[in-house]
Protein backbone atom coordinates (compact mmCIF):
# COMPACT_ATOMS: atom_id res chain seq x y z
CA UNK A 1 -32.17 -89.75 10.89
CA UNK A 2 -35.65 -89.48 12.54
CA UNK A 3 -39.04 -88.82 10.54
CA UNK A 4 -39.25 -85.55 12.43
CA UNK A 5 -35.50 -84.37 11.94
CA UNK A 6 -36.13 -85.88 8.33
CA UNK A 7 -38.91 -83.45 7.73
CA UNK A 8 -37.62 -80.44 9.20
CA UNK A 9 -35.00 -80.93 6.57
CA UNK A 10 -37.26 -81.46 3.71
CA UNK A 11 -39.06 -78.04 5.16
CA UNK A 12 -35.60 -76.18 4.88
CA UNK A 13 -35.06 -77.50 1.23
CA UNK A 14 -38.41 -76.24 0.80
CA UNK A 15 -37.46 -72.84 2.46
CA UNK A 16 -33.87 -72.66 0.64
CA UNK A 17 -35.57 -73.15 -2.53
CA UNK A 18 -38.55 -70.20 -2.22
CA UNK A 19 -35.59 -68.25 -1.29
CA UNK A 20 -33.28 -68.50 -3.88
CA UNK A 21 -36.04 -68.48 -6.63
CA UNK A 22 -38.30 -65.74 -5.29
CA UNK A 23 -35.59 -63.29 -3.44
CA UNK A 24 -37.99 -60.75 -3.38
CA UNK A 25 -40.72 -62.42 -1.38
CA UNK A 26 -40.25 -61.63 2.38
CA UNK A 27 -39.65 -64.13 4.78
CA UNK A 28 -42.56 -63.66 6.84
CA UNK A 29 -44.64 -64.61 3.40
CA UNK A 30 -42.61 -67.82 2.72
CA UNK A 31 -42.18 -68.76 6.52
CA UNK A 32 -45.79 -68.81 6.93
CA UNK A 33 -46.36 -70.64 3.80
CA UNK A 34 -44.40 -73.14 4.77
CA UNK A 35 -46.00 -73.39 7.61
CA UNK A 36 -43.64 -72.12 10.39
CA UNK A 37 -45.26 -70.49 13.48
CA UNK A 38 -43.20 -67.20 13.36
CA UNK A 39 -40.05 -65.48 11.72
CA UNK A 40 -38.01 -66.37 14.88
CA UNK A 41 -38.68 -70.10 14.11
CA UNK A 42 -37.49 -69.89 10.70
CA UNK A 43 -33.99 -68.05 11.48
CA UNK A 44 -33.29 -70.65 14.42
CA UNK A 45 -34.03 -73.54 12.07
CA UNK A 46 -32.28 -71.85 9.35
CA UNK A 47 -28.96 -70.84 11.42
CA UNK A 48 -29.28 -75.02 12.31
CA UNK A 49 -29.15 -76.15 9.17
CA UNK A 50 -26.88 -73.74 7.30
CA UNK A 51 -24.78 -72.24 9.92
CA UNK A 52 -26.00 -68.32 8.94
CA UNK A 53 -28.95 -65.87 9.06
CA UNK A 54 -31.02 -66.19 5.60
CA UNK A 55 -29.99 -62.66 5.12
CA UNK A 56 -26.05 -63.52 5.62
CA UNK A 57 -27.05 -66.60 2.91
CA UNK A 58 -28.44 -64.94 0.48
CA UNK A 59 -25.80 -62.08 0.49
CA UNK A 60 -23.33 -65.14 -0.01
CA UNK A 61 -25.39 -66.47 -2.54
CA UNK A 62 -25.61 -63.49 -4.72
CA UNK A 63 -21.92 -63.33 -4.41
CA UNK A 64 -21.29 -66.55 -5.53
CA UNK A 65 -23.89 -65.86 -8.84
CA UNK A 66 -21.66 -62.93 -9.35
CA UNK A 67 -18.39 -64.68 -9.66
CA UNK A 68 -19.64 -68.17 -11.04
CA UNK A 69 -18.90 -71.49 -10.39
CA UNK A 70 -15.62 -72.48 -8.18
CA UNK A 71 -15.19 -75.46 -10.73
CA UNK A 72 -14.98 -74.28 -14.13
CA UNK A 73 -17.08 -76.30 -16.55
CA UNK A 74 -14.24 -78.81 -18.25
CA UNK A 75 -15.80 -78.28 -21.51
CA UNK A 76 -14.39 -74.87 -21.87
CA UNK A 77 -11.11 -75.37 -20.37
CA UNK A 78 -8.50 -75.04 -23.49
CA UNK A 79 -5.92 -77.81 -23.62
CA UNK A 80 -3.13 -76.89 -26.52
CA UNK A 81 -2.71 -80.04 -28.61
CA UNK A 82 1.06 -80.14 -29.68
CA UNK A 83 2.03 -81.90 -32.90
CA UNK A 84 5.42 -83.36 -32.86
């Protein structure tokens, strides 16, 4: 991975973090804060790394939060103990 691609990926991670932590913040505000020229560049970059638009991603993230984790926490799985 070239340094330029790595820098793009780090900026995308910062975008994801800010969108997930502060969903009420507008995409234009976040994009200008992270140095994107305009919202179209943000959406293009988002589609490149995530495979969907930011709006679709946030919908899926909200659904995932409601459903809970995909893999249950092993500490809370009930395993019956049989005494012979």
